[in-house]
Amino acid sequence: MWKVLGALVCVFFLLSCSAKREGASSFEKVPEVAQKPERASKGLSIPGRPRNPIFLDLDGDSREELAIVTKTPWLWIFKKSHQGFRLWKRFQVSTHNTWLVVADLNLDGRPDLVPLTEALLGPIVLNQGEGNFSVTKKSFRGPRFGYGAVAADLDQDGLVDIAAVGIQDQRLFLYWNEGDLNFTEEKLSPPRAESYFGSTPGMREIRVVDFNSDGFPDLLIADYFGKRVLLFQNKGRRKFSWRVLYASPEEGTVASVFSLDRDHDGDQDLVVAVESLGKLLFLKQEGGKFLEEKVLTVEKGFPRKIVPGRGKEFAVVWIQPKGSRVQIFEGEREKGVLFFPRRRCEYGLLRADHFWCMDLYHDELVKAPLPQEPLQ
C-alpha cells in the first residue's frame, strides 16, 4: 500500500513540474497587468528588450490594441481586456528591432506597422483589415543603430513619408512615399559636431512639428553625442534647410527634446534633456534665438526622456539609483510627480489618466495613475 501511495505521489510531482515548465515557456501565460497597477509592482512581461509601446485601433473595432517590437525578431500585438492583456498576433520581422513606426502607407484607412532595426527600416507589416496582416518583403537600408523614426506627409503629396535617425549615424534618413509601397531613399548630412568625449556622433530622437507655422511639417532632432538640438526646416518640394537651435557649452549629451509655445507668444519654445549633466532646460525663443529661462535638476538623477501628451502636456523621465521619477507638466505648470521604484522607464506613454513605463530592468510594461491635483 505504501509503495502504491509513494508511486502516486511521484507521478503527481512529475506532472506538476511538467505543467510549471510548460506554463513558463508559454508567452500567453506571462503575468498580466496587476489588479492594482498603480502599485507599479507587476506588469505585462514582454521578453527580449521591448521598445516603444504604441496603443492604437488595428482592427477597426474602436478598441485599442498594444503593439510593440523587441530586439528579438518579433512584433507583438496584444488585446486589452478587463483582466489585463492577452496575446493576439505575433509576427517575425527583423532582428535587433529598436523602434516601431505606425502609418497608413497605402491610404486604405488602416494603420500599417514598420519596425526600425539597427541597420534596416522594415519589413512593412501591411494591415489588411478585420485582424488580418501580411509581412511584406519591403525593407530599406536604415541608419546605423536606428533609434527613432516618425511618419508624416513631408512633401504634402497626400502620401505618408518616413524619417529616421540612428544613435551611431550623423545623417537624417528620408523615405519618400511614391505609392504602391515604393519609396525613394534620401540622406541629409549636416556638418559633424564635435562629439562627446570622442564618441561617434549620432542622433537619438526625432519629432515632427510645424516649427515656424508655415503648414509644412519640420523635423526636430536630439543630436545625442553631438550635444545639440537640430531643426530640419521643411521648404517644400522635398527640400530642407537645417540649423542648430541649441548647443551644449559643456560635455552635455542631448537625450531628448520637446517643443511647445509655453508663453503663448506664437513662437515655439524648447524643453531639452541634457542627460550627462543631469539638467532639464527650459529655453524661450526670442527673435529666433533660444535663451535659458529655467533649469531643473533632481538629486542623483539624469533626464532620459521627454514624453509628449495631449496639447501642452508632457512628462519628463528621470533615471535615479532607486528607480524612475516622472514629472508631469502642462506648459510651465508642474502637475505632479510619480515614482516607479526599481524600474528604469526607458520608454513611456503619457495617457489621459495613466503614465505607462516600459521598464528595461525587468522587460515589463507597468502603469501608474496620474496625480489628481496639481502641486501647490
Protein backbone atom coordinates (compact mmCIF):
# COMPACT_ATOMS: atom_id res chain seq x y z
CA MET A 1 0.00 0.00 0.00
CA TRP A 2 2.74 2.42 0.95
CA LYS A 3 4.58 1.64 -2.28
CA VAL A 4 1.46 2.39 -4.33
CA LEU A 5 0.88 5.64 -2.42
CA GLY A 6 4.51 6.66 -2.91
CA ALA A 7 4.27 5.95 -6.64
CA LEU A 8 1.15 8.14 -6.93
CA VAL A 9 2.90 10.99 -5.13
CA CYS A 10 5.88 10.76 -7.50
CA VAL A 11 3.61 10.79 -10.55
CA PHE A 12 1.75 13.88 -9.23
CA PHE A 13 5.03 15.65 -8.52
CA LEU A 14 6.35 14.97 -12.02
CA LEU A 15 3.13 16.13 -13.67
CA SER A 16 3.06 19.37 -11.65
CA CYS A 17 6.70 20.16 -12.52
CA SER A 18 5.99 19.49 -16.19
CA ALA A 19 2.99 21.83 -16.08
CA LYS A 20 5.07 24.56 -14.48
CA ARG A 21 7.77 24.24 -17.14
CA GLU A 22 5.15 24.34 -19.88
CA GLY A 23 3.50 27.43 -18.39
CA ALA A 24 6.82 29.23 -18.04
CA SER A 25 7.63 28.72 -21.70
CA SER A 26 4.21 29.83 -22.98
CA PHE A 27 4.19 33.51 -23.85
CA GLU A 28 0.41 33.75 -23.48
CA LYS A 29 0.71 32.82 -19.78
CA VAL A 30 3.12 35.53 -18.68
CA PRO A 31 1.88 37.79 -15.82
CA GLU A 32 -0.72 40.29 -16.94
CA VAL A 33 -1.23 43.83 -15.67
CA ALA A 34 -1.80 43.74 -11.93
CA GLN A 35 -5.24 44.20 -10.41
CA LYS A 36 -3.91 47.37 -8.78
CA PRO A 37 -1.43 48.62 -11.39
CA GLU A 38 -0.88 51.91 -9.55
CA ARG A 39 1.45 49.96 -7.24
CA ALA A 40 3.70 49.50 -10.27
CA SER A 41 4.87 46.19 -8.83
CA LYS A 42 3.71 43.84 -11.58
CA GLY A 43 3.14 44.33 -15.25
CA LEU A 44 2.93 42.78 -18.67
CA SER A 45 6.11 40.77 -19.26
CA ILE A 46 7.50 41.13 -22.79
CA PRO A 47 10.77 39.20 -23.15
CA GLY A 48 13.54 40.35 -25.45
CA ARG A 49 14.26 44.01 -24.59
CA PRO A 50 10.95 45.66 -25.61
CA ARG A 51 10.95 49.09 -27.24
CA ASN A 52 8.43 51.90 -27.67
CA PRO A 53 4.88 50.71 -26.87
CA ILE A 54 2.02 52.01 -29.03
CA PHE A 55 -1.72 51.92 -28.37
CA LEU A 56 -3.92 52.06 -31.47
CA ASP A 57 -7.01 50.51 -33.04
CA LEU A 58 -5.69 47.98 -35.57
CA ASP A 59 -8.85 46.03 -36.41
CA GLY A 60 -11.46 48.81 -36.60
CA ASP A 61 -13.46 47.74 -33.53
CA SER A 62 -12.96 51.14 -31.79
CA ARG A 63 -10.85 49.50 -29.09
CA GLU A 64 -7.12 49.98 -28.84
CA GLU A 65 -4.56 47.22 -29.14
CA LEU A 66 -0.98 47.33 -27.87
CA ALA A 67 1.78 46.93 -30.48
CA ILE A 68 5.45 46.61 -29.59
CA VAL A 69 8.74 45.34 -31.03
CA THR A 70 11.68 43.80 -29.20
CA LYS A 71 15.33 43.19 -30.01
CA THR A 72 14.29 39.63 -30.84
CA PRO A 73 12.80 39.08 -34.34
CA TRP A 74 9.24 39.53 -33.10
CA LEU A 75 6.50 42.14 -33.37
CA TRP A 76 3.86 41.56 -30.70
CA ILE A 77 0.22 42.76 -30.66
CA PHE A 78 -1.94 42.42 -27.56
CA LYS A 79 -5.65 42.76 -26.97
CA LYS A 80 -6.72 44.60 -23.83
CA SER A 81 -9.38 43.07 -21.59
CA HIS A 82 -10.81 43.82 -18.16
CA GLN A 83 -8.21 41.44 -16.69
CA GLY A 84 -5.22 42.92 -18.50
CA PHE A 85 -3.65 41.97 -21.82
CA ARG A 86 -3.71 38.82 -23.90
CA LEU A 87 -1.55 37.97 -26.89
CA TRP A 88 -3.43 38.48 -30.18
CA LYS A 89 -0.87 38.48 -33.02
CA ARG A 90 2.82 37.80 -33.37
CA PHE A 91 4.95 38.36 -36.49
CA GLN A 92 8.56 37.55 -37.24
CA VAL A 93 10.04 40.71 -38.72
CA SER A 94 13.70 41.65 -38.16
CA THR A 95 16.37 41.09 -35.55
CA HIS A 96 17.56 43.88 -33.27
CA ASN A 97 14.38 45.94 -33.61
CA THR A 98 14.76 49.35 -31.98
CA TRP A 99 11.59 51.30 -32.87
CA LEU A 100 8.11 50.87 -34.31
CA VAL A 101 6.53 53.27 -36.82
CA VAL A 102 2.77 53.42 -37.40
CA ALA A 103 1.36 54.93 -40.61
CA ASP A 104 -1.29 54.33 -43.26
CA LEU A 105 1.21 53.83 -46.06
CA ASN A 106 -1.21 52.74 -48.80
CA LEU A 107 -4.12 55.09 -47.99
CA ASP A 108 -6.63 52.33 -47.28
CA GLY A 109 -7.65 53.86 -43.95
CA ARG A 110 -5.86 51.21 -41.88
CA PRO A 111 -2.64 51.75 -39.87
CA ASP A 112 0.35 49.72 -41.05
CA LEU A 113 3.39 48.82 -38.93
CA VAL A 114 7.07 49.30 -39.83
CA PRO A 115 9.91 48.25 -37.49
CA LEU A 116 13.22 50.10 -37.41
CA THR A 117 16.29 48.00 -36.67
CA GLU A 118 19.98 48.60 -36.09
CA ALA A 119 20.51 48.54 -39.86
CA LEU A 120 17.16 48.47 -41.70
CA LEU A 121 13.73 50.04 -41.97
CA GLY A 122 11.19 47.28 -42.46
CA PRO A 123 9.76 44.94 -43.42
CA ILE A 124 6.40 46.67 -43.80
CA VAL A 125 3.60 44.82 -41.98
CA LEU A 126 0.53 45.62 -44.06
CA ASN A 127 -2.83 45.89 -42.29
CA GLN A 128 -5.43 44.15 -44.49
CA GLY A 129 -8.37 44.75 -42.16
CA GLU A 130 -10.52 42.57 -39.90
CA GLY A 131 -7.48 41.47 -37.94
CA ASN A 132 -5.50 40.23 -40.94
CA PHE A 133 -1.91 41.29 -41.65
CA SER A 134 0.77 40.41 -44.18
CA VAL A 135 4.51 40.77 -43.70
CA THR A 136 5.86 42.15 -46.98
CA LYS A 137 9.42 41.93 -48.27
CA LYS A 138 9.72 45.72 -48.39
CA SER A 139 12.82 46.72 -46.41
CA PHE A 140 15.22 49.63 -46.81
CA ARG A 141 18.69 50.48 -45.62
CA GLY A 142 18.47 52.41 -42.37
CA PRO A 143 20.74 54.49 -40.15
CA ARG A 144 23.46 52.83 -38.10
CA PHE A 145 21.82 51.64 -34.90
CA GLY A 146 18.44 53.15 -35.73
CA TYR A 147 16.99 54.78 -32.65
CA GLY A 148 13.93 56.74 -33.69
CA ALA A 149 11.57 57.28 -36.60
CA VAL A 150 8.46 59.33 -37.44
CA ALA A 151 5.80 59.23 -40.15
CA ALA A 152 4.26 62.32 -41.79
CA ASP A 153 3.33 63.68 -45.22
CA LEU A 154 6.53 65.67 -45.52
CA ASP A 155 6.14 66.69 -49.18
CA GLN A 156 2.38 67.36 -48.99
CA ASP A 157 1.52 64.93 -51.82
CA GLY A 158 -1.09 63.04 -49.83
CA LEU A 159 1.19 60.06 -49.08
CA VAL A 160 2.83 59.37 -45.72
CA ASP A 161 6.65 59.51 -45.71
CA ILE A 162 9.07 58.26 -43.04
CA ALA A 163 12.13 59.89 -41.45
CA ALA A 164 14.62 58.01 -39.25
CA VAL A 165 17.77 58.66 -37.22
CA GLY A 166 20.42 56.45 -35.59
CA ILE A 167 22.47 56.76 -32.42
CA GLN A 168 25.67 55.96 -34.38
CA ASP A 169 24.81 57.94 -37.50
CA GLN A 170 25.08 61.66 -38.21
CA ARG A 171 22.66 61.51 -41.16
CA LEU A 172 18.92 62.04 -41.44
CA PHE A 173 17.31 59.22 -43.46
CA LEU A 174 14.24 60.14 -45.52
CA TYR A 175 11.93 57.66 -47.23
CA TRP A 176 9.68 59.42 -49.76
CA ASN A 177 6.47 57.52 -50.43
CA GLU A 178 5.86 57.17 -54.19
CA GLY A 179 2.74 54.99 -53.83
CA ASP A 180 2.20 51.22 -54.08
CA LEU A 181 4.65 50.78 -51.17
CA ASN A 182 7.54 52.14 -53.24
CA PHE A 183 9.90 54.58 -51.55
CA THR A 184 12.74 56.83 -52.71
CA GLU A 185 15.54 56.96 -50.15
CA GLU A 186 17.48 60.15 -49.36
CA LYS A 187 20.10 61.01 -46.77
CA LEU A 188 20.81 64.50 -45.42
CA SER A 189 24.09 65.20 -43.63
CA PRO A 190 24.56 68.33 -41.53
CA PRO A 191 28.15 69.28 -40.64
CA ARG A 192 29.51 66.97 -37.99
CA ALA A 193 29.66 68.30 -34.47
CA GLU A 194 32.48 67.81 -32.01
CA SER A 195 31.40 64.60 -30.36
CA TYR A 196 31.02 63.83 -26.68
CA PHE A 197 34.40 62.65 -25.36
CA GLY A 198 35.36 61.35 -28.81
CA SER A 199 32.23 59.20 -29.23
CA THR A 200 30.77 58.53 -32.65
CA PRO A 201 28.28 61.35 -33.34
CA GLY A 202 24.71 60.18 -33.55
CA MET A 203 21.09 61.26 -33.28
CA ARG A 204 18.89 59.78 -30.57
CA GLU A 205 15.42 61.22 -31.15
CA ILE A 206 13.29 62.76 -33.90
CA ARG A 207 9.93 64.55 -33.70
CA VAL A 208 7.56 66.12 -36.23
CA VAL A 209 6.48 69.71 -35.57
CA ASP A 210 5.45 72.68 -37.71
CA PHE A 211 8.07 74.82 -36.04
CA ASN A 212 7.51 78.07 -37.98
CA SER A 213 3.75 77.63 -38.61
CA ASP A 214 4.06 77.62 -42.42
CA GLY A 215 1.98 74.49 -42.91
CA PHE A 216 4.96 72.23 -43.68
CA PRO A 217 6.00 69.58 -41.12
CA ASP A 218 9.55 70.16 -39.85
CA LEU A 219 11.85 67.68 -38.09
CA LEU A 220 13.24 68.34 -34.62
CA ILE A 221 16.21 66.15 -33.65
CA ALA A 222 18.12 65.45 -30.44
CA ASP A 223 21.72 65.01 -31.59
CA TYR A 224 22.88 62.96 -28.61
CA PHE A 225 26.66 62.76 -28.94
CA GLY A 226 26.74 65.97 -31.00
CA LYS A 227 25.45 67.77 -27.87
CA ARG A 228 22.91 69.85 -29.79
CA VAL A 229 19.32 70.24 -30.96
CA LEU A 230 18.85 70.34 -34.74
CA LEU A 231 15.93 71.64 -36.77
CA PHE A 232 15.43 70.45 -40.34
CA GLN A 233 13.09 73.09 -41.69
CA ASN A 234 10.80 71.93 -44.49
CA LYS A 235 10.95 74.23 -47.52
CA GLY A 236 8.52 72.17 -49.61
CA ARG A 237 9.22 70.15 -52.76
CA ARG A 238 11.35 67.72 -50.73
CA LYS A 239 13.84 70.41 -49.72
CA PHE A 240 15.11 71.04 -46.19
CA SER A 241 17.38 73.60 -44.59
CA TRP A 242 18.88 72.93 -41.20
CA ARG A 243 20.12 74.93 -38.24
CA VAL A 244 21.28 74.39 -34.66
CA LEU A 245 18.69 75.55 -32.14
CA TYR A 246 20.73 74.69 -29.07
CA ALA A 247 24.32 73.55 -28.49
CA SER A 248 25.56 72.46 -25.07
CA PRO A 249 28.51 74.59 -23.94
CA GLU A 250 29.73 71.68 -21.82
CA GLU A 251 30.05 67.92 -22.34
CA GLY A 252 26.30 67.56 -22.24
CA THR A 253 24.60 64.79 -24.22
CA VAL A 254 21.18 65.84 -25.54
CA ALA A 255 18.93 62.84 -24.84
CA SER A 256 15.51 64.31 -25.64
CA VAL A 257 13.81 67.50 -26.85
CA PHE A 258 10.24 68.77 -26.93
CA SER A 259 8.80 71.96 -28.41
CA LEU A 260 5.71 73.94 -27.44
CA ASP A 261 4.58 77.55 -27.17
CA ARG A 262 4.85 77.77 -23.39
CA ASP A 263 4.29 81.53 -23.08
CA HIS A 264 1.56 81.94 -25.77
CA ASP A 265 3.60 84.40 -27.86
CA GLY A 266 3.23 82.44 -31.12
CA ASP A 267 6.81 81.09 -31.10
CA GLN A 268 7.90 77.54 -30.32
CA ASP A 269 9.95 77.21 -27.14
CA LEU A 270 12.09 74.21 -26.18
CA VAL A 271 12.43 71.76 -23.31
CA VAL A 272 15.80 69.96 -23.55
CA ALA A 273 17.02 66.97 -21.52
CA VAL A 274 20.81 67.24 -21.13
CA GLU A 275 21.43 63.78 -19.79
CA SER A 276 25.11 63.69 -18.85
CA LEU A 277 24.84 66.98 -16.92
CA GLY A 278 21.63 65.96 -15.14
CA LYS A 279 19.78 69.09 -16.29
CA LEU A 280 16.37 69.81 -17.79
CA LEU A 281 16.47 73.13 -19.66
CA PHE A 282 13.50 75.36 -20.45
CA LEU A 283 14.52 77.59 -23.38
CA LYS A 284 12.46 80.56 -24.51
CA GLN A 285 12.55 81.68 -28.13
CA GLU A 286 13.11 85.38 -28.68
CA GLY A 287 13.93 86.73 -32.12
CA GLY A 288 14.91 83.30 -33.43
CA LYS A 289 17.33 82.69 -30.54
CA PHE A 290 16.79 80.41 -27.56
CA LEU A 291 17.52 81.79 -24.12
CA GLU A 292 17.83 79.71 -20.98
CA GLU A 293 14.81 80.53 -18.83
CA LYS A 294 14.80 77.80 -16.20
CA VAL A 295 16.95 74.81 -15.21
CA LEU A 296 15.64 71.83 -13.25
CA THR A 297 17.72 69.15 -11.54
CA VAL A 298 16.86 66.06 -9.49
CA GLU A 299 19.13 64.65 -6.81
CA LYS A 300 21.20 61.77 -8.21
CA GLY A 301 19.09 61.75 -11.34
CA PHE A 302 19.50 62.38 -15.05
CA PRO A 303 16.72 63.23 -17.53
CA ARG A 304 16.36 60.40 -20.03
CA LYS A 305 13.16 61.06 -21.96
CA ILE A 306 10.54 63.75 -22.57
CA VAL A 307 7.21 62.09 -23.31
CA PRO A 308 4.54 64.20 -25.06
CA GLY A 309 0.90 64.04 -24.03
CA ARG A 310 -2.19 65.93 -25.14
CA GLY A 311 -1.83 69.59 -26.07
CA LYS A 312 0.83 71.20 -23.89
CA GLU A 313 1.08 68.28 -21.50
CA PHE A 314 4.34 66.33 -21.29
CA ALA A 315 6.24 64.10 -18.88
CA VAL A 316 9.94 64.03 -18.04
CA VAL A 317 11.52 60.71 -17.03
CA TRP A 318 14.44 60.96 -14.61
CA ILE A 319 16.58 57.87 -14.00
CA GLN A 320 17.72 57.58 -10.38
CA PRO A 321 19.65 54.88 -8.48
CA LYS A 322 16.48 53.50 -6.87
CA GLY A 323 14.09 53.82 -9.79
CA SER A 324 12.48 56.26 -12.21
CA ARG A 325 10.97 59.60 -11.28
CA VAL A 326 8.37 61.03 -13.68
CA GLN A 327 7.42 64.70 -13.58
CA ILE A 328 4.16 65.70 -15.27
CA PHE A 329 3.91 69.20 -16.78
CA GLU A 330 1.30 71.23 -18.58
CA GLY A 331 3.07 74.14 -20.22
CA GLU A 332 5.00 75.86 -17.45
CA ARG A 333 3.00 74.29 -14.63
CA GLU A 334 4.13 71.13 -12.89
CA LYS A 335 1.08 68.93 -12.25
CA GLY A 336 2.64 66.21 -10.15
CA VAL A 337 5.31 63.55 -9.70
CA LEU A 338 5.25 59.74 -9.99
CA PHE A 339 7.88 57.29 -8.86
CA PHE A 340 8.49 53.79 -10.19
CA PRO A 341 10.74 52.04 -7.62
CA ARG A 342 13.32 49.63 -9.04
CA ARG A 343 12.19 50.47 -12.58
CA ARG A 344 14.08 52.01 -15.49
CA CYS A 345 11.48 53.70 -17.67
CA GLU A 346 13.45 53.77 -20.91
CA TYR A 347 10.25 54.40 -22.91
CA GLY A 348 6.95 55.83 -21.78
CA LEU A 349 3.43 56.76 -22.78
CA LEU A 350 1.51 59.68 -21.27
CA ARG A 351 -2.20 58.95 -21.46
CA ALA A 352 -5.28 60.79 -20.19
CA ASP A 353 -5.26 59.15 -16.77
CA HIS A 354 -2.10 57.00 -16.54
CA PHE A 355 1.60 57.01 -17.31
CA TRP A 356 2.91 53.80 -18.85
CA CYS A 357 6.52 52.84 -18.14
CA MET A 358 8.43 50.39 -20.32
CA ASP A 359 10.85 49.03 -17.75
CA LEU A 360 14.08 47.72 -19.27
CA TYR A 361 15.29 46.30 -15.93
CA HIS A 362 12.55 43.67 -15.95
CA ASP A 363 11.22 43.76 -19.56
CA GLU A 364 7.79 44.76 -18.26
CA LEU A 365 5.16 47.35 -19.13
CA VAL A 366 3.64 48.89 -15.99
CA LYS A 367 1.45 51.91 -15.33
CA ALA A 368 0.58 54.34 -12.55
CA PRO A 369 -2.34 56.78 -12.28
CA LEU A 370 -1.65 60.46 -12.87
CA PRO A 371 -1.85 62.81 -9.88
CA GLN A 372 -5.38 64.16 -9.46
CA GLU A 373 -4.45 67.53 -8.02
CA PRO A 374 -1.65 69.91 -9.09
CA LEU A 375 1.14 70.53 -6.63
CA GLN A 376 0.86 73.71 -4.60
